Amino acid sequence: MNTTSATPPQPRPEDQWSAAGTIGLILVRIVVPLWVLSGALFKIAERSPKLLPKNFIQQMEGIGFDLYLVLALLIAIEFVAVAVMLLIPKLARVAAVFMLVAFCLVLLNELRAGNIESCGCLGAASPPPWLMLIIDFILLLGVVFFKPRPLQLTSPRNGWIIATGCILITSGLAFGLVLSEAGAGGVITIEPKTDPASSTAQNDDATTPTTTTSLPSYYVLDTSDWVGKNIQDIDLVQYITNLPDSINEGQQYLIFYSRTCDHCQMLLELYFGYGSPVPTTLVAIPESKSGFATEGLLENPCLDCTTLELPVGTDWLMTPPILLAIEDGIVQCAKEGEDSEMPECMPW
């Protein structure tokens, strides 16, 4: 009598719930999309080129690209990657690797250029670039070494249709919201300084002419060619109203600072807290395009400094403190992100 043993059907490889496949699935279809999406949402909430990595800003400026357009494009790319990872399984892993490699390269470039403060990846509260690099690199290793098991949320055709719709909506939203911030920053009115000794009875009733200067939507600081220039020829200085004429007399310091900047406070406390070594003018930088911060303000230790403000309405893309040493109106030294403990531009 012939007997046959029934062999149970073997599960297909895609049906096996291996630990490696599950880890890969969680990384590629959940963790990395949420990580990328969080960065996009932070950027679109703040909508400021200030969120772009500092060295990346300089490179885009050198090419001549508008930074608001660059920001909108990067946000749109992040939304595209999220839609692909969630809805198109065949391309999900490729999209995750692409985004994480791009993040790592940008962060490595920032660290190479000396940016150890913030990358803007998660908005104004971003951790330092080295920490973001560690996180992105760990995620990249996980995506590369753990192949995700297949998980089809819908049919391939429907996945492409839904993904395309999500991409069109989110990209349109990104460009619409970001580019709406790219308008002109308004104007400032500058009252010309007059010499009272030159006034005569004939022009006492005459109207003193005023000039207006348009504010840019954003301003990228570049101090590389400031040394040797007259202070009045510096473009940033031309946006300061009520700058005293005495700035051209003798040895002076001009410091651009933020009222929420701890490095600025430390510099002022160490070198100006017991009296300014030479006449010093402090110019406060608005923390955002809409105005100055109202919380987290730090005390100004320099009691004998002249205090002024840059106008509101512009994204001031600079790292305070910015210290200028001036002698007889000529810039002797200019440094962005001046060291608070051992400043380079304090010769007096």
C-alpha atoms as a PDB file:
ATOM      1  CA  MET A   1       0.000   0.000   0.000  1.00  0.00           C
ATOM      2  CA  ASN A   2       1.482   3.237  -1.105  1.00  0.00           C
ATOM      3  CA  THR A   3       1.387   6.066   1.336  1.00  0.00           C
ATOM      4  CA  THR A   4       2.255   9.639   0.612  1.00  0.00           C
ATOM      5  CA  SER A   5       3.185  12.196   3.199  1.00  0.00           C
ATOM      6  CA  ALA A   6       1.582  15.575   2.784  1.00  0.00           C
ATOM      7  CA  THR A   7       4.183  18.356   2.756  1.00  0.00           C
ATOM      8  CA  PRO A   8       2.859  21.611   4.130  1.00  0.00           C
ATOM      9  CA  PRO A   9       3.215  24.588   1.767  1.00  0.00           C
ATOM     10  CA  GLN A  10       6.329  26.660   2.406  1.00  0.00           C
ATOM     11  CA  PRO A  11       5.757  30.334   3.117  1.00  0.00           C
ATOM     12  CA  ARG A  12       6.968  32.709   0.484  1.00  0.00           C
ATOM     13  CA  PRO A  13       9.963  34.869   1.464  1.00  0.00           C
ATOM     14  CA  GLU A  14       7.859  38.023   1.353  1.00  0.00           C
ATOM     15  CA  ASP A  15       5.459  36.513   3.863  1.00  0.00           C
ATOM     16  CA  GLN A  16       8.088  35.863   6.498  1.00  0.00           C
ATOM     17  CA  TRP A  17       8.092  38.229   9.432  1.00  0.00           C
ATOM     18  CA  SER A  18      11.816  38.202  10.079  1.00  0.00           C
ATOM     19  CA  ALA A  19      13.248  40.587  12.627  1.00  0.00           C
ATOM     20  CA  ALA A  20      15.494  42.230  10.019  1.00  0.00           C
ATOM     21  CA  GLY A  21      12.601  42.720   7.596  1.00  0.00           C
ATOM     22  CA  THR A  22      10.410  44.197  10.308  1.00  0.00           C
ATOM     23  CA  ILE A  23      13.145  46.598  11.431  1.00  0.00           C
ATOM     24  CA  GLY A  24      13.696  47.655   7.821  1.00  0.00           C
ATOM     25  CA  LEU A  25       9.968  48.132   7.325  1.00  0.00           C
ATOM     26  CA  ILE A  26       9.656  50.302  10.433  1.00  0.00           C
ATOM     27  CA  LEU A  27      12.660  52.414   9.400  1.00  0.00           C
ATOM     28  CA  VAL A  28      11.776  52.909   5.729  1.00  0.00           C
ATOM     29  CA  ARG A  29       7.994  53.225   5.989  1.00  0.00           C
ATOM     30  CA  ILE A  30       7.570  54.919   9.395  1.00  0.00           C
ATOM     31  CA  VAL A  31      10.669  56.360  11.102  1.00  0.00           C
ATOM     32  CA  VAL A  32      12.444  57.987   8.153  1.00  0.00           C
ATOM     33  CA  PRO A  33       9.238  59.433   6.604  1.00  0.00           C
ATOM     34  CA  LEU A  34       8.288  60.970   9.962  1.00  0.00           C
ATOM     35  CA  TRP A  35      11.834  62.296  10.391  1.00  0.00           C
ATOM     36  CA  VAL A  36      11.796  63.938   6.954  1.00  0.00           C
ATOM     37  CA  LEU A  37       8.221  65.173   7.406  1.00  0.00           C
ATOM     38  CA  SER A  38       9.055  66.828  10.736  1.00  0.00           C
ATOM     39  CA  GLY A  39      11.842  68.825   9.079  1.00  0.00           C
ATOM     40  CA  ALA A  40       9.517  69.921   6.276  1.00  0.00           C
ATOM     41  CA  LEU A  41       6.800  70.995   8.698  1.00  0.00           C
ATOM     42  CA  PHE A  42       9.206  72.989  10.870  1.00  0.00           C
ATOM     43  CA  LYS A  43      10.523  74.788   7.789  1.00  0.00           C
ATOM     44  CA  ILE A  44       7.111  75.542   6.354  1.00  0.00           C
ATOM     45  CA  ALA A  45       5.920  76.831   9.737  1.00  0.00           C
ATOM     46  CA  GLU A  46       8.772  79.343  10.048  1.00  0.00           C
ATOM     47  CA  ARG A  47       9.267  80.022   6.311  1.00  0.00           C
ATOM     48  CA  SER A  48      12.621  81.755   6.682  1.00  0.00           C
ATOM     49  CA  PRO A  49      15.839  81.317   4.663  1.00  0.00           C
ATOM     50  CA  LYS A  50      17.525  81.561   8.056  1.00  0.00           C
ATOM     51  CA  LEU A  51      16.682  77.854   8.414  1.00  0.00           C
ATOM     52  CA  LEU A  52      18.970  76.914   5.541  1.00  0.00           C
ATOM     53  CA  PRO A  53      22.459  75.722   6.516  1.00  0.00           C
ATOM     54  CA  LYS A  54      24.836  78.683   6.691  1.00  0.00           C
ATOM     55  CA  ASN A  55      27.449  77.472   4.207  1.00  0.00           C
ATOM     56  CA  PHE A  56      24.676  76.301   1.878  1.00  0.00           C
ATOM     57  CA  ILE A  57      23.272  79.852   1.968  1.00  0.00           C
ATOM     58  CA  GLN A  58      26.623  81.270   0.862  1.00  0.00           C
ATOM     59  CA  GLN A  59      26.815  78.773  -1.997  1.00  0.00           C
ATOM     60  CA  MET A  60      23.285  79.518  -3.223  1.00  0.00           C
ATOM     61  CA  GLU A  61      23.954  83.255  -2.963  1.00  0.00           C
ATOM     62  CA  GLY A  62      27.123  82.816  -5.001  1.00  0.00           C
ATOM     63  CA  ILE A  63      25.150  81.108  -7.756  1.00  0.00           C
ATOM     64  CA  GLY A  64      22.518  83.840  -7.609  1.00  0.00           C
ATOM     65  CA  PHE A  65      19.512  81.785  -6.495  1.00  0.00           C
ATOM     66  CA  ASP A  66      16.739  83.413  -4.497  1.00  0.00           C
ATOM     67  CA  LEU A  67      16.835  81.831  -1.046  1.00  0.00           C
ATOM     68  CA  TYR A  68      13.061  81.770  -0.633  1.00  0.00           C
ATOM     69  CA  LEU A  69      12.765  79.820  -3.876  1.00  0.00           C
ATOM     70  CA  VAL A  70      15.505  77.432  -2.716  1.00  0.00           C
ATOM     71  CA  LEU A  71      13.738  76.919   0.619  1.00  0.00           C
ATOM     72  CA  ALA A  72      10.402  76.211  -1.081  1.00  0.00           C
ATOM     73  CA  LEU A  73      12.056  73.728  -3.457  1.00  0.00           C
ATOM     74  CA  LEU A  74      13.770  71.859  -0.616  1.00  0.00           C
ATOM     75  CA  ILE A  75      10.514  71.604   1.351  1.00  0.00           C
ATOM     76  CA  ALA A  76       8.731  70.308  -1.754  1.00  0.00           C
ATOM     77  CA  ILE A  77      11.446  67.664  -2.264  1.00  0.00           C
ATOM     78  CA  GLU A  78      10.999  66.514   1.328  1.00  0.00           C
ATOM     79  CA  PHE A  79       7.241  66.186   0.814  1.00  0.00           C
ATOM     80  CA  VAL A  80       7.851  64.185  -2.390  1.00  0.00           C
ATOM     81  CA  ALA A  81      10.177  61.806  -0.540  1.00  0.00           C
ATOM     82  CA  VAL A  82       7.649  61.296   2.252  1.00  0.00           C
ATOM     83  CA  ALA A  83       4.853  60.478  -0.217  1.00  0.00           C
ATOM     84  CA  VAL A  84       7.081  57.992  -2.063  1.00  0.00           C
ATOM     85  CA  MET A  85       8.201  56.249   1.128  1.00  0.00           C
ATOM     86  CA  LEU A  86       4.648  55.877   2.399  1.00  0.00           C
ATOM     87  CA  LEU A  87       2.810  54.959  -0.787  1.00  0.00           C
ATOM     88  CA  ILE A  88       5.235  53.432  -3.318  1.00  0.00           C
ATOM     89  CA  PRO A  89       6.959  50.413  -1.721  1.00  0.00           C
ATOM     90  CA  LYS A  90       9.255  49.666  -4.672  1.00  0.00           C
ATOM     91  CA  LEU A  91      10.854  53.120  -4.387  1.00  0.00           C
ATOM     92  CA  ALA A  92      10.547  53.621  -0.630  1.00  0.00           C
ATOM     93  CA  ARG A  93      13.999  52.350   0.284  1.00  0.00           C
ATOM     94  CA  VAL A  94      15.662  54.263  -2.563  1.00  0.00           C
ATOM     95  CA  ALA A  95      13.938  57.492  -1.462  1.00  0.00           C
ATOM     96  CA  ALA A  96      14.999  56.951   2.158  1.00  0.00           C
ATOM     97  CA  VAL A  97      18.639  56.342   1.185  1.00  0.00           C
ATOM     98  CA  PHE A  98      18.635  59.372  -1.139  1.00  0.00           C
ATOM     99  CA  MET A  99      17.294  61.750   1.505  1.00  0.00           C
ATOM    100  CA  LEU A 100      19.572  60.515   4.295  1.00  0.00           C
ATOM    101  CA  VAL A 101      22.673  60.623   2.080  1.00  0.00           C
ATOM    102  CA  ALA A 102      21.763  64.174   1.023  1.00  0.00           C
ATOM    103  CA  PHE A 103      21.289  65.208   4.665  1.00  0.00           C
ATOM    104  CA  CYS A 104      24.642  63.698   5.662  1.00  0.00           C
ATOM    105  CA  LEU A 105      26.503  65.402   2.814  1.00  0.00           C
ATOM    106  CA  VAL A 106      25.024  68.802   3.654  1.00  0.00           C
ATOM    107  CA  LEU A 107      25.866  68.392   7.337  1.00  0.00           C
ATOM    108  CA  LEU A 108      29.415  67.254   6.564  1.00  0.00           C
ATOM    109  CA  ASN A 109      29.843  70.357   4.401  1.00  0.00           C
ATOM    110  CA  GLU A 110      28.582  72.564   7.245  1.00  0.00           C
ATOM    111  CA  LEU A 111      31.012  71.004   9.715  1.00  0.00           C
ATOM    112  CA  ARG A 112      33.842  71.397   7.185  1.00  0.00           C
ATOM    113  CA  ALA A 113      33.003  75.102   6.901  1.00  0.00           C
ATOM    114  CA  GLY A 114      33.079  75.481  10.698  1.00  0.00           C
ATOM    115  CA  ASN A 115      29.347  75.649  11.392  1.00  0.00           C
ATOM    116  CA  ILE A 116      28.874  73.892  14.739  1.00  0.00           C
ATOM    117  CA  GLU A 117      25.891  75.928  15.941  1.00  0.00           C
ATOM    118  CA  SER A 118      22.760  75.001  13.991  1.00  0.00           C
ATOM    119  CA  CYS A 119      21.786  73.520  10.638  1.00  0.00           C
ATOM    120  CA  GLY A 120      18.171  74.737  10.625  1.00  0.00           C
ATOM    121  CA  CYS A 121      17.027  71.169   9.876  1.00  0.00           C
ATOM    122  CA  LEU A 122      14.291  71.297  12.512  1.00  0.00           C
ATOM    123  CA  GLY A 123      13.621  75.003  12.533  1.00  0.00           C
ATOM    124  CA  ALA A 124      14.972  77.480  15.034  1.00  0.00           C
ATOM    125  CA  ALA A 125      15.276  74.761  17.694  1.00  0.00           C
ATOM    126  CA  SER A 126      17.597  72.597  15.593  1.00  0.00           C
ATOM    127  CA  PRO A 127      20.358  70.714  17.408  1.00  0.00           C
ATOM    128  CA  PRO A 128      23.975  71.268  16.308  1.00  0.00           C
ATOM    129  CA  PRO A 129      25.015  69.807  12.933  1.00  0.00           C
ATOM    130  CA  TRP A 130      27.229  67.105  14.484  1.00  0.00           C
ATOM    131  CA  LEU A 131      24.285  65.677  16.423  1.00  0.00           C
ATOM    132  CA  MET A 132      22.014  65.759  13.379  1.00  0.00           C
ATOM    133  CA  LEU A 133      24.759  64.024  11.396  1.00  0.00           C
ATOM    134  CA  ILE A 134      24.956  61.210  13.958  1.00  0.00           C
ATOM    135  CA  ILE A 135      21.168  60.709  13.852  1.00  0.00           C
ATOM    136  CA  ASP A 136      21.002  60.758  10.042  1.00  0.00           C
ATOM    137  CA  PHE A 137      23.987  58.412   9.699  1.00  0.00           C
ATOM    138  CA  ILE A 138      22.504  55.879  12.137  1.00  0.00           C
ATOM    139  CA  LEU A 139      19.216  55.947  10.214  1.00  0.00           C
ATOM    140  CA  LEU A 140      21.122  55.544   6.940  1.00  0.00           C
ATOM    141  CA  LEU A 141      22.981  52.498   8.253  1.00  0.00           C
ATOM    142  CA  GLY A 142      19.687  50.980   9.389  1.00  0.00           C
ATOM    143  CA  VAL A 143      18.028  51.515   6.013  1.00  0.00           C
ATOM    144  CA  VAL A 144      21.028  50.052   4.149  1.00  0.00           C
ATOM    145  CA  PHE A 145      21.542  46.963   6.309  1.00  0.00           C
ATOM    146  CA  PHE A 146      17.904  46.049   7.062  1.00  0.00           C
ATOM    147  CA  LYS A 147      15.972  45.274   3.911  1.00  0.00           C
ATOM    148  CA  PRO A 148      12.313  46.019   4.605  1.00  0.00           C
ATOM    149  CA  ARG A 149       9.747  43.322   4.084  1.00  0.00           C
ATOM    150  CA  PRO A 150       7.093  44.273   1.511  1.00  0.00           C
ATOM    151  CA  LEU A 151       3.984  46.006   2.729  1.00  0.00           C
ATOM    152  CA  GLN A 152       1.509  47.184   0.115  1.00  0.00           C
ATOM    153  CA  LEU A 153      -1.052  49.575   1.595  1.00  0.00           C
ATOM    154  CA  THR A 154      -2.947  49.796  -1.668  1.00  0.00           C
ATOM    155  CA  SER A 155      -2.594  48.656  -5.269  1.00  0.00           C
ATOM    156  CA  PRO A 156       0.449  50.014  -7.146  1.00  0.00           C
ATOM    157  CA  ARG A 157      -1.793  52.028  -9.454  1.00  0.00           C
ATOM    158  CA  ASN A 158      -3.735  53.606  -6.601  1.00  0.00           C
ATOM    159  CA  GLY A 159      -0.477  54.204  -4.737  1.00  0.00           C
ATOM    160  CA  TRP A 160       0.892  56.265  -7.614  1.00  0.00           C
ATOM    161  CA  ILE A 161      -2.374  58.200  -7.947  1.00  0.00           C
ATOM    162  CA  ILE A 162      -2.563  59.025  -4.233  1.00  0.00           C
ATOM    163  CA  ALA A 163       1.151  59.866  -4.076  1.00  0.00           C
ATOM    164  CA  THR A 164       0.861  62.197  -7.072  1.00  0.00           C
ATOM    165  CA  GLY A 165      -2.083  63.983  -5.492  1.00  0.00           C
ATOM    166  CA  CYS A 166      -0.262  64.388  -2.183  1.00  0.00           C
ATOM    167  CA  ILE A 167       2.835  65.694  -3.953  1.00  0.00           C
ATOM    168  CA  LEU A 168       0.878  68.275  -5.947  1.00  0.00           C
ATOM    169  CA  ILE A 169      -1.004  69.520  -2.887  1.00  0.00           C
ATOM    170  CA  THR A 170       1.962  69.673  -0.504  1.00  0.00           C
ATOM    171  CA  SER A 171       4.359  71.144  -3.067  1.00  0.00           C
ATOM    172  CA  GLY A 172       1.842  73.798  -4.028  1.00  0.00           C
ATOM    173  CA  LEU A 173       1.338  74.585  -0.359  1.00  0.00           C
ATOM    174  CA  ALA A 174       5.106  74.828   0.204  1.00  0.00           C
ATOM    175  CA  PHE A 175       5.699  77.189  -2.710  1.00  0.00           C
ATOM    176  CA  GLY A 176       2.616  79.282  -1.938  1.00  0.00           C
ATOM    177  CA  LEU A 177       3.373  79.813   1.736  1.00  0.00           C
ATOM    178  CA  VAL A 178       7.133  80.300   1.419  1.00  0.00           C
ATOM    179  CA  LEU A 179       7.072  82.591  -1.596  1.00  0.00           C
ATOM    180  CA  SER A 180       4.395  84.722   0.070  1.00  0.00           C
ATOM    181  CA  GLU A 181       7.136  85.753   2.516  1.00  0.00           C
ATOM    182  CA  ALA A 182       9.485  86.787  -0.277  1.00  0.00           C
ATOM    183  CA  GLY A 183       8.055  90.240  -0.855  1.00  0.00           C
ATOM    184  CA  ALA A 184       9.983  93.424  -0.216  1.00  0.00           C
ATOM    185  CA  GLY A 185      10.683  94.201   3.408  1.00  0.00           C
ATOM    186  CA  GLY A 186       9.319  97.749   3.284  1.00  0.00           C
ATOM    187  CA  VAL A 187      11.235 101.009   3.505  1.00  0.00           C
ATOM    188  CA  ILE A 188      13.023 103.053   6.123  1.00  0.00           C
ATOM    189  CA  THR A 189      13.169 106.825   6.202  1.00  0.00           C
ATOM    190  CA  ILE A 190      16.511 108.467   6.864  1.00  0.00           C
ATOM    191  CA  GLU A 191      16.617 112.041   8.097  1.00  0.00           C
ATOM    192  CA  PRO A 192      19.735 113.762   6.788  1.00  0.00           C
ATOM    193  CA  LYS A 193      21.925 115.335   9.471  1.00  0.00           C
ATOM    194  CA  THR A 194      22.278 119.075   9.153  1.00  0.00           C
ATOM    195  CA  ASP A 195      24.803 121.492  10.563  1.00  0.00           C
ATOM    196  CA  PRO A 196      22.993 124.074  12.727  1.00  0.00           C
ATOM    197  CA  ALA A 197      25.755 126.607  12.084  1.00  0.00           C
ATOM    198  CA  SER A 198      24.944 126.618   8.378  1.00  0.00           C
ATOM    199  CA  SER A 199      21.257 127.419   8.913  1.00  0.00           C
ATOM    200  CA  THR A 200      20.112 130.917   7.984  1.00  0.00           C
ATOM    201  CA  ALA A 201      16.941 132.835   8.446  1.00  0.00           C
ATOM    202  CA  GLN A 202      16.146 132.317   4.754  1.00  0.00           C
ATOM    203  CA  ASN A 203      15.845 128.527   5.082  1.00  0.00           C
ATOM    204  CA  ASP A 204      14.385 128.246   8.572  1.00  0.00           C
ATOM    205  CA  ASP A 205      10.980 127.481   7.087  1.00  0.00           C
ATOM    206  CA  ALA A 206      12.275 125.188   4.364  1.00  0.00           C
ATOM    207  CA  THR A 207      11.383 121.534   4.491  1.00  0.00           C
ATOM    208  CA  THR A 208      14.359 119.310   5.178  1.00  0.00           C
ATOM    209  CA  PRO A 209      14.561 116.626   2.487  1.00  0.00           C
ATOM    210  CA  THR A 210      14.473 113.023   3.591  1.00  0.00           C
ATOM    211  CA  THR A 211      15.557 109.874   1.815  1.00  0.00           C
ATOM    212  CA  THR A 212      14.019 106.426   1.870  1.00  0.00           C
ATOM    213  CA  THR A 213      15.855 103.134   1.540  1.00  0.00           C
ATOM    214  CA  SER A 214      14.095  99.948   0.522  1.00  0.00           C
ATOM    215  CA  LEU A 215      14.622  96.989   2.813  1.00  0.00           C
ATOM    216  CA  PRO A 216      15.486  93.681   1.168  1.00  0.00           C
ATOM    217  CA  SER A 217      13.371  90.613   1.820  1.00  0.00           C
ATOM    218  CA  TYR A 218      16.492  89.032   3.299  1.00  0.00           C
ATOM    219  CA  TYR A 219      20.082  90.125   3.881  1.00  0.00           C
ATOM    220  CA  VAL A 220      23.049  87.734   3.777  1.00  0.00           C
ATOM    221  CA  LEU A 221      26.051  89.034   5.695  1.00  0.00           C
ATOM    222  CA  ASP A 222      29.483  88.981   4.045  1.00  0.00           C
ATOM    223  CA  THR A 223      32.241  90.841   5.881  1.00  0.00           C
ATOM    224  CA  SER A 224      35.086  89.652   3.638  1.00  0.00           C
ATOM    225  CA  ASP A 225      35.622  93.027   1.936  1.00  0.00           C
ATOM    226  CA  TRP A 226      34.775  95.398   4.782  1.00  0.00           C
ATOM    227  CA  VAL A 227      38.297  96.008   6.097  1.00  0.00           C
ATOM    228  CA  GLY A 228      39.647  99.296   4.725  1.00  0.00           C
ATOM    229  CA  LYS A 229      36.219 100.664   3.824  1.00  0.00           C
ATOM    230  CA  ASN A 230      34.631 103.748   5.287  1.00  0.00           C
ATOM    231  CA  ILE A 231      31.943 102.715   7.742  1.00  0.00           C
ATOM    232  CA  GLN A 232      29.357 104.759   5.833  1.00  0.00           C
ATOM    233  CA  ASP A 233      30.011 102.675   2.692  1.00  0.00           C
ATOM    234  CA  ILE A 234      29.100  99.373   4.397  1.00  0.00           C
ATOM    235  CA  ASP A 235      25.709  98.242   3.077  1.00  0.00           C
ATOM    236  CA  LEU A 236      24.545  96.891   6.439  1.00  0.00           C
ATOM    237  CA  VAL A 237      25.383 100.169   8.183  1.00  0.00           C
ATOM    238  CA  GLN A 238      23.218 102.057   5.712  1.00  0.00           C
ATOM    239  CA  TYR A 239      20.141 100.326   7.149  1.00  0.00           C
ATOM    240  CA  ILE A 240      20.798 101.789  10.630  1.00  0.00           C
ATOM    241  CA  THR A 241      18.863 104.932  11.389  1.00  0.00           C
ATOM    242  CA  ASN A 242      20.142 107.529  13.880  1.00  0.00           C
ATOM    243  CA  LEU A 243      23.725 106.294  13.727  1.00  0.00           C
ATOM    244  CA  PRO A 244      25.709 109.074  15.465  1.00  0.00           C
ATOM    245  CA  ASP A 245      28.227 111.142  13.493  1.00  0.00           C
ATOM    246  CA  SER A 246      30.771 110.370  16.199  1.00  0.00           C
ATOM    247  CA  ILE A 247      31.167 106.896  14.671  1.00  0.00           C
ATOM    248  CA  ASN A 248      33.745 108.551  12.375  1.00  0.00           C
ATOM    249  CA  GLU A 249      35.804 109.989  15.226  1.00  0.00           C
ATOM    250  CA  GLY A 250      38.767 108.108  16.641  1.00  0.00           C
ATOM    251  CA  GLN A 251      38.619 104.521  17.804  1.00  0.00           C
ATOM    252  CA  GLN A 252      35.142 102.952  17.960  1.00  0.00           C
ATOM    253  CA  TYR A 253      33.459  99.577  18.241  1.00  0.00           C
ATOM    254  CA  LEU A 254      30.253  98.768  16.383  1.00  0.00           C
ATOM    255  CA  ILE A 255      28.603  95.532  17.534  1.00  0.00           C
ATOM    256  CA  PHE A 256      25.578  93.838  15.977  1.00  0.00           C
ATOM    257  CA  TYR A 257      24.000  91.548  18.543  1.00  0.00           C
ATOM    258  CA  SER A 258      20.815  89.700  19.461  1.00  0.00           C
ATOM    259  CA  ARG A 259      19.041  90.196  22.772  1.00  0.00           C
ATOM    260  CA  THR A 260      18.599  86.415  23.032  1.00  0.00           C
ATOM    261  CA  CYS A 261      22.224  85.543  22.154  1.00  0.00           C
ATOM    262  CA  ASP A 262      24.191  84.135  25.083  1.00  0.00           C
ATOM    263  CA  HIS A 263      27.502  84.537  23.210  1.00  0.00           C
ATOM    264  CA  CYS A 264      26.697  88.227  22.743  1.00  0.00           C
ATOM    265  CA  GLN A 265      25.920  88.650  26.423  1.00  0.00           C
ATOM    266  CA  MET A 266      29.162  86.908  27.412  1.00  0.00           C
ATOM    267  CA  LEU A 267      31.230  89.137  25.106  1.00  0.00           C
ATOM    268  CA  LEU A 268      29.616  92.287  26.492  1.00  0.00           C
ATOM    269  CA  GLU A 269      29.939  91.110  30.086  1.00  0.00           C
ATOM    270  CA  LEU A 270      33.613  90.164  29.787  1.00  0.00           C
ATOM    271  CA  TYR A 271      34.856  93.184  27.848  1.00  0.00           C
ATOM    272  CA  PHE A 272      32.227  95.914  28.291  1.00  0.00           C
ATOM    273  CA  GLY A 273      30.581  95.135  31.622  1.00  0.00           C
ATOM    274  CA  TYR A 274      32.935  97.413  33.573  1.00  0.00           C
ATOM    275  CA  GLY A 275      32.966 100.229  31.047  1.00  0.00           C
ATOM    276  CA  SER A 276      33.621 100.329  27.316  1.00  0.00           C
ATOM    277  CA  PRO A 277      37.306 100.485  26.372  1.00  0.00           C
ATOM    278  CA  VAL A 278      36.385 102.886  23.538  1.00  0.00           C
ATOM    279  CA  PRO A 279      33.059 104.416  22.473  1.00  0.00           C
ATOM    280  CA  THR A 280      30.815 101.517  21.502  1.00  0.00           C
ATOM    281  CA  THR A 281      27.531 101.292  19.601  1.00  0.00           C
ATOM    282  CA  LEU A 282      25.312  98.243  19.935  1.00  0.00           C
ATOM    283  CA  VAL A 283      22.851  97.458  17.145  1.00  0.00           C
ATOM    284  CA  ALA A 284      20.137  94.926  17.989  1.00  0.00           C
ATOM    285  CA  ILE A 285      19.204  92.437  15.250  1.00  0.00           C
ATOM    286  CA  PRO A 286      15.506  91.452  15.018  1.00  0.00           C
ATOM    287  CA  GLU A 287      15.185  87.750  15.799  1.00  0.00           C
ATOM    288  CA  SER A 288      12.599  87.294  13.053  1.00  0.00           C
ATOM    289  CA  LYS A 289      11.222  89.122  10.057  1.00  0.00           C
ATOM    290  CA  SER A 290       8.135  90.078  12.033  1.00  0.00           C
ATOM    291  CA  GLY A 291       9.974  91.695  14.932  1.00  0.00           C
ATOM    292  CA  PHE A 292      12.088  91.328  18.034  1.00  0.00           C
ATOM    293  CA  ALA A 293      11.744  88.456  20.484  1.00  0.00           C
ATOM    294  CA  THR A 294       9.688  89.138  23.598  1.00  0.00           C
ATOM    295  CA  GLU A 295      10.784  86.097  25.595  1.00  0.00           C
ATOM    296  CA  GLY A 296      14.170  84.793  26.616  1.00  0.00           C
ATOM    297  CA  LEU A 297      15.718  88.263  26.599  1.00  0.00           C
ATOM    298  CA  LEU A 298      19.159  88.592  28.184  1.00  0.00           C
ATOM    299  CA  GLU A 299      20.393  91.561  30.155  1.00  0.00           C
ATOM    300  CA  ASN A 300      22.701  94.016  28.413  1.00  0.00           C
ATOM    301  CA  PRO A 301      25.791  94.421  30.636  1.00  0.00           C
ATOM    302  CA  CYS A 302      27.166  97.444  28.719  1.00  0.00           C
ATOM    303  CA  LEU A 303      25.655 100.426  30.499  1.00  0.00           C
ATOM    304  CA  ASP A 304      27.588 103.112  28.632  1.00  0.00           C
ATOM    305  CA  CYS A 305      27.049 101.718  25.122  1.00  0.00           C
ATOM    306  CA  THR A 306      24.854 103.534  22.602  1.00  0.00           C
ATOM    307  CA  THR A 307      21.993 101.174  21.664  1.00  0.00           C
ATOM    308  CA  LEU A 308      20.278 101.150  18.262  1.00  0.00           C
ATOM    309  CA  GLU A 309      18.253  98.650  16.226  1.00  0.00           C
ATOM    310  CA  LEU A 310      18.153  97.246  12.731  1.00  0.00           C
ATOM    311  CA  PRO A 311      14.724  97.748  11.143  1.00  0.00           C
ATOM    312  CA  VAL A 312      12.036  95.064  11.269  1.00  0.00           C
ATOM    313  CA  GLY A 313      10.809  93.522   8.014  1.00  0.00           C
ATOM    314  CA  THR A 314      13.956  91.804   6.754  1.00  0.00           C
ATOM    315  CA  ASP A 315      15.323  88.330   7.424  1.00  0.00           C
ATOM    316  CA  TRP A 316      18.779  89.245   8.755  1.00  0.00           C
ATOM    317  CA  LEU A 317      20.856  86.154   7.929  1.00  0.00           C
ATOM    318  CA  MET A 318      23.860  86.621  10.186  1.00  0.00           C
ATOM    319  CA  THR A 319      25.457  85.038  13.224  1.00  0.00           C
ATOM    320  CA  PRO A 320      25.892  87.468  16.127  1.00  0.00           C
ATOM    321  CA  PRO A 321      27.885  88.951  17.623  1.00  0.00           C
ATOM    322  CA  ILE A 322      29.319  90.835  14.653  1.00  0.00           C
ATOM    323  CA  LEU A 323      32.153  93.052  15.865  1.00  0.00           C
ATOM    324  CA  LEU A 324      33.632  95.935  13.900  1.00  0.00           C
ATOM    325  CA  ALA A 325      36.712  97.855  15.031  1.00  0.00           C
ATOM    326  CA  ILE A 326      36.693 101.344  13.479  1.00  0.00           C
ATOM    327  CA  GLU A 327      39.328 104.085  13.501  1.00  0.00           C
ATOM    328  CA  ASP A 328      38.572 107.525  12.068  1.00  0.00           C
ATOM    329  CA  GLY A 329      35.640 106.037  10.178  1.00  0.00           C
ATOM    330  CA  ILE A 330      37.664 103.243   8.533  1.00  0.00           C
ATOM    331  CA  VAL A 331      36.954  99.579   9.337  1.00  0.00           C
ATOM    332  CA  GLN A 332      40.091  97.995  10.804  1.00  0.00           C
ATOM    333  CA  CYS A 333      38.598  94.564  11.555  1.00  0.00           C
ATOM    334  CA  ALA A 334      35.234  92.849  11.046  1.00  0.00           C
ATOM    335  CA  LYS A 335      34.218  89.437  12.343  1.00  0.00           C
ATOM    336  CA  GLU A 336      30.908  87.582  12.231  1.00  0.00           C
ATOM    337  CA  GLY A 337      30.238  85.168  15.071  1.00  0.00           C
ATOM    338  CA  GLU A 338      32.997  86.735  17.131  1.00  0.00           C
ATOM    339  CA  ASP A 339      34.507  84.575  19.872  1.00  0.00           C
ATOM    340  CA  SER A 340      33.084  85.800  23.165  1.00  0.00           C
ATOM    341  CA  GLU A 341      36.128  84.791  25.223  1.00  0.00           C
ATOM    342  CA  MET A 342      39.006  85.607  22.844  1.00  0.00           C
ATOM    343  CA  PRO A 343      37.690  88.123  20.278  1.00  0.00           C
ATOM    344  CA  GLU A 344      39.810  88.787  17.207  1.00  0.00           C
ATOM    345  CA  CYS A 345      38.524  92.300  16.535  1.00  0.00           C
ATOM    346  CA  MET A 346      39.267  94.045  19.840  1.00  0.00           C
ATOM    347  CA  PRO A 347      42.619  95.793  19.302  1.00  0.00           C
ATOM    348  CA  TRP A 348      41.927  98.521  21.866  1.00  0.00           C
END
